[in-house]
Protein backbone atom coordinates (compact mmCIF):
# COMPACT_ATOMS: atom_id res chain seq x y z
CA MET A 1 4.21 -21.06 -10.52
CA ASP A 2 0.50 -22.78 -10.05
CA GLU A 3 -2.88 -21.31 -11.17
CA GLU A 4 -3.79 -19.87 -7.61
CA GLU A 5 -0.99 -17.51 -7.58
CA LYS A 6 -1.23 -16.32 -11.58
CA VAL A 7 -4.40 -15.60 -10.49
CA PHE A 8 -3.28 -13.58 -8.06
CA LEU A 9 -0.52 -11.70 -9.70
CA ARG A 10 -3.56 -10.98 -12.34
CA TYR A 11 -5.56 -9.73 -9.21
CA LEU A 12 -2.38 -7.32 -7.72
CA MET A 13 -1.32 -6.62 -11.64
CA PHE A 14 -5.21 -4.53 -12.49
CA THR A 15 -5.58 -3.28 -9.04
CA VAL A 16 -2.51 -1.95 -7.53
CA PRO A 17 -1.58 0.48 -10.23
CA HIS A 18 -4.82 2.43 -9.35
CA ALA A 19 -4.23 2.28 -5.97
CA THR A 20 -0.63 3.76 -6.08
CA VAL A 21 -1.96 6.70 -9.22
CA LEU A 22 -4.50 7.72 -6.05
CA ALA A 23 -2.13 7.83 -3.45
CA GLY A 24 0.59 9.72 -5.64
CA ALA A 25 -2.14 12.40 -6.35
CA LEU A 26 -2.25 12.87 -2.54
CA LEU A 27 1.13 13.29 -2.21
CA GLY A 28 1.03 15.81 -5.13
CA VAL A 29 -1.30 17.41 -3.61
CA LEU A 30 0.12 17.54 -0.09
CA LEU A 31 3.00 19.01 -2.11
CA VAL A 32 1.94 21.48 -4.06
CA LEU A 33 -0.14 22.89 -0.68
CA LYS A 34 3.76 23.44 0.80
CA VAL A 35 3.42 20.63 3.11
CA ARG A 36 6.54 20.01 4.65
CA PRO A 37 8.14 16.84 2.92
CA GLU A 38 8.33 14.56 6.13
CA VAL A 39 4.78 14.91 6.86
CA ALA A 40 3.97 14.42 2.96
CA ALA A 41 6.11 11.18 3.07
CA GLY A 42 4.40 9.77 6.28
CA ILE A 43 1.47 10.29 5.00
CA PHE A 44 1.54 8.86 1.29
CA SER A 45 2.98 5.89 3.13
CA LEU A 46 0.29 5.66 5.90
CA VAL A 47 -2.27 5.93 2.81
CA TYR A 48 -0.89 3.77 0.45
CA GLY A 49 -0.44 1.18 2.60
CA THR A 50 -3.99 1.06 3.91
CA ILE A 51 -5.30 1.31 0.69
CA LEU A 52 -3.54 -2.35 -0.22
CA MET A 53 -4.20 -4.00 3.01
CA ILE A 54 -7.53 -3.22 2.07
CA LEU A 55 -6.63 -4.78 -1.86
CA ALA A 56 -5.28 -7.25 0.57
CA ALA A 57 -7.95 -7.53 2.70
CA VAL A 58 -10.92 -8.44 -0.31
CA VAL A 59 -8.85 -11.30 -1.43
CA LYS A 60 -7.79 -13.22 2.02
CA ASP A 61 -10.59 -15.88 1.54
CA HIS A 62 -8.98 -17.47 -1.20
CA PHE A 63 -5.32 -16.40 -1.37
CA SER A 64 -4.01 -16.47 2.83
CA LYS A 65 -2.51 -19.92 2.20
CA SER A 66 -0.64 -18.52 -0.82
CA PRO A 67 3.09 -17.37 -0.19
CA LEU A 68 2.77 -14.26 -2.83
CA TYR A 69 -0.13 -12.71 -0.58
CA LYS A 70 2.02 -12.94 2.79
CA ILE A 71 4.28 -11.21 0.73
CA PHE A 72 2.00 -8.83 -0.61
CA LEU A 73 0.39 -8.77 2.90
CA SER A 74 3.99 -8.10 5.10
CA ILE A 75 4.95 -5.48 2.35
CA THR A 76 1.39 -3.38 3.23
CA LEU A 77 1.88 -3.81 6.78
CA PHE A 78 5.54 -2.46 6.78
CA LEU A 79 4.33 0.72 4.66
CA VAL A 80 1.97 1.34 7.10
CA GLY A 81 4.34 0.94 10.32
CA GLY A 82 7.01 3.37 8.38
CA GLY A 83 3.88 5.90 7.71
CA VAL A 84 3.73 5.40 11.20
CA LEU A 85 7.05 6.10 12.51
CA ILE A 86 7.50 8.33 9.85
CA LEU A 87 4.53 10.92 11.42
CA LEU A 88 5.80 10.20 15.32
CA ASN A 89 8.98 11.65 14.50
CA VAL A 90 8.43 14.85 12.87
CA ARG A 91 8.57 17.18 14.91
């Protein structure tokens, strides 16, 4: 693992937990407000993926060629897409 990948992993270690707590708090609030669990899960996935995508966009110039960055970006796109699909399929 080269130095660039180590720096990217450190960046993720310090930023992703904060995004997770924020999105989890939103999920908790939605469930306390008695929003249907399917809708709450869709909103959670959409918001969490969007926050992670913003984190990926911040460091795009530095890490865009890294395979770890591409994996991280694909995970964020999967979360956003999953959230949209969940919300579209809720009746």
